[in-house]
Amino acid sequence: MSQSALDRYARLFASLTPATLDALCEQVTEEVHFRDPFNDIHGRDAFRHLLQDMFARSACPSFTVVEACWHDAYEIGWLRWHFNAELPVIGRLSVEGCSRILLDEAGRVREHLDYWDSAPVYLQLPLIGSVLRRIQRRVSSQT
Protein backbone atom coordinates (compact mmCIF):
# COMPACT_ATOMS: atom_id res chain seq x y z
CA MET A 1 0.00 0.00 0.00
CA SER A 2 2.77 2.47 0.81
CA GLN A 3 4.37 2.32 -2.64
CA SER A 4 0.97 2.93 -4.21
CA ALA A 5 0.31 5.88 -1.86
CA LEU A 6 3.73 7.32 -2.71
CA ASP A 7 3.09 6.82 -6.44
CA ARG A 8 -0.29 8.56 -6.16
CA TYR A 9 1.31 11.53 -4.35
CA ALA A 10 4.14 11.64 -6.93
CA ARG A 11 1.65 11.70 -9.83
CA LEU A 12 -0.30 14.54 -8.24
CA PHE A 13 2.88 16.46 -7.52
CA ALA A 14 4.12 16.01 -11.10
CA SER A 15 0.80 17.28 -12.52
CA LEU A 16 0.39 20.11 -10.01
CA THR A 17 -1.51 23.17 -11.24
CA PRO A 18 -3.72 25.65 -9.41
CA ALA A 19 -6.68 23.51 -10.52
CA THR A 20 -5.20 20.29 -9.03
CA LEU A 21 -3.92 21.84 -5.81
CA ASP A 22 -6.89 20.61 -3.75
CA ALA A 23 -6.36 17.01 -4.92
CA LEU A 24 -2.73 17.16 -3.76
CA CYS A 25 -3.71 18.72 -0.43
CA GLU A 26 -6.19 15.89 0.17
CA GLN A 27 -3.18 13.53 0.17
CA VAL A 28 -1.50 15.24 3.15
CA THR A 29 -2.47 15.11 6.81
CA GLU A 30 -3.97 18.08 8.61
CA GLU A 31 -0.68 18.43 10.55
CA VAL A 32 1.71 17.82 7.60
CA HIS A 33 5.27 19.06 8.07
CA PHE A 34 6.93 20.52 4.97
CA ARG A 35 10.49 21.80 4.82
CA ASP A 36 12.76 23.02 2.03
CA PRO A 37 15.77 25.40 2.00
CA PHE A 38 13.46 28.44 2.34
CA ASN A 39 10.45 27.17 4.32
CA ASP A 40 9.63 25.13 7.41
CA ILE A 41 5.87 24.92 7.82
CA HIS A 42 3.28 22.80 9.59
CA GLY A 43 -0.32 22.16 8.61
CA ARG A 44 -2.34 21.57 5.47
CA ASP A 45 -3.46 25.20 5.23
CA ALA A 46 0.16 26.44 5.36
CA PHE A 47 1.13 23.81 2.76
CA ARG A 48 -1.69 24.96 0.46
CA HIS A 49 -0.73 28.61 0.95
CA LEU A 50 2.92 27.86 0.11
CA LEU A 51 1.95 26.18 -3.15
CA GLN A 52 -0.53 28.93 -4.03
CA ASP A 53 2.24 31.45 -3.42
CA MET A 54 4.55 29.49 -5.73
CA PHE A 55 1.98 29.79 -8.53
CA ALA A 56 1.43 33.49 -7.79
CA ARG A 57 5.14 34.38 -7.72
CA SER A 58 6.44 32.29 -10.61
CA ALA A 59 5.49 31.56 -14.18
CA CYS A 60 5.06 28.01 -15.42
CA PRO A 61 6.31 26.17 -12.33
CA SER A 62 6.52 22.44 -12.92
CA PHE A 63 7.84 19.33 -11.24
CA THR A 64 9.00 16.27 -13.11
CA VAL A 65 9.22 13.25 -10.82
CA VAL A 66 12.07 11.06 -12.04
CA GLU A 67 11.92 8.35 -9.36
CA ALA A 68 9.59 7.28 -6.59
CA CYS A 69 11.01 4.70 -4.22
CA TRP A 70 9.41 3.21 -1.11
CA HIS A 71 11.57 1.44 1.50
CA ASP A 72 9.44 -0.99 3.49
CA ALA A 73 12.21 -1.66 6.01
CA TYR A 74 12.37 2.02 6.98
CA GLU A 75 8.75 2.93 6.16
CA ILE A 76 9.96 5.90 4.18
CA GLY A 77 9.60 7.11 0.61
CA TRP A 78 11.89 9.15 -1.61
CA LEU A 79 11.04 11.18 -4.67
CA ARG A 80 13.72 12.45 -7.05
CA TRP A 81 12.52 15.39 -9.12
CA HIS A 82 13.36 18.33 -11.36
CA PHE A 83 11.75 21.72 -10.84
CA ASN A 84 11.53 24.44 -13.49
CA ALA A 85 10.01 27.90 -13.32
CA GLU A 86 10.40 31.47 -14.47
CA LEU A 87 11.02 33.78 -11.50
CA PRO A 88 11.04 37.55 -11.27
CA VAL A 89 14.53 39.08 -11.12
CA ILE A 90 16.45 35.84 -11.77
CA GLY A 91 14.60 34.44 -14.77
CA ARG A 92 14.71 30.72 -15.55
CA LEU A 93 15.29 28.46 -12.55
CA SER A 94 15.98 24.76 -12.94
CA VAL A 95 16.87 22.64 -9.92
CA GLU A 96 17.14 18.95 -9.16
CA GLY A 97 16.25 17.62 -5.75
CA CYS A 98 14.72 14.88 -3.71
CA SER A 99 11.98 14.64 -1.11
CA ARG A 100 11.83 12.40 1.94
CA ILE A 101 8.21 11.35 2.43
CA LEU A 102 6.64 9.85 5.57
CA LEU A 103 3.09 8.52 5.46
CA ASP A 104 0.47 7.95 8.13
CA GLU A 105 -1.49 4.71 8.55
CA ALA A 106 -4.05 5.85 5.96
CA GLY A 107 -1.36 6.49 3.33
CA ARG A 108 -1.47 10.29 3.60
CA VAL A 109 1.72 12.35 3.68
CA ARG A 110 2.58 13.48 7.21
CA GLU A 111 6.06 14.75 6.40
CA HIS A 112 7.56 16.08 3.17
CA LEU A 113 11.17 17.23 3.48
CA ASP A 114 12.85 18.64 0.37
CA TYR A 115 16.59 18.49 -0.22
CA TRP A 116 18.04 20.60 -2.99
CA ASP A 117 20.88 23.01 -3.59
CA SER A 118 19.62 26.58 -3.25
CA ALA A 119 22.89 28.07 -4.59
CA PRO A 120 21.48 28.45 -8.14
CA VAL A 121 18.87 30.82 -6.74
CA TYR A 122 21.43 32.98 -4.91
CA LEU A 123 23.92 32.90 -7.79
CA GLN A 124 21.33 34.44 -10.11
CA LEU A 125 20.48 37.37 -7.83
CA PRO A 126 21.79 40.70 -9.15
CA LEU A 127 24.12 42.02 -6.42
CA ILE A 128 24.80 39.11 -4.14
CA GLY A 129 25.07 36.74 -7.11
CA SER A 130 28.16 38.47 -8.52
CA VAL A 131 29.89 38.29 -5.13
CA LEU A 132 28.97 34.62 -4.73
CA ARG A 133 30.16 33.79 -8.26
CA ARG A 134 33.57 35.34 -7.45
CA ILE A 135 33.76 33.30 -4.26
CA GLN A 136 32.73 30.19 -6.16
CA ARG A 137 35.54 30.72 -8.71
CA ARG A 138 38.10 31.16 -5.93
CA VAL A 139 37.15 28.00 -4.04
CA SER A 140 36.48 25.83 -7.06
CA SER A 141 38.92 22.98 -7.64
CA GLN A 142 38.69 23.55 -11.39
CA THR A 143 41.20 26.00 -12.81
Foldseek 3Di string as FASTA:
>chain_A
DLLVLQVVLLVLQQVDDPVSLVVNLVQADQFAWEEEPVDTDTGSVVVSVVVVVVPVFWAPWGKDWPDWDADPVVQKIKTWIWIWTQGPQQGIDIWTWMWIFHADPVSGTRYTYIDTDCLVVQLRHDPSNVVVVVVCVVPDPPD
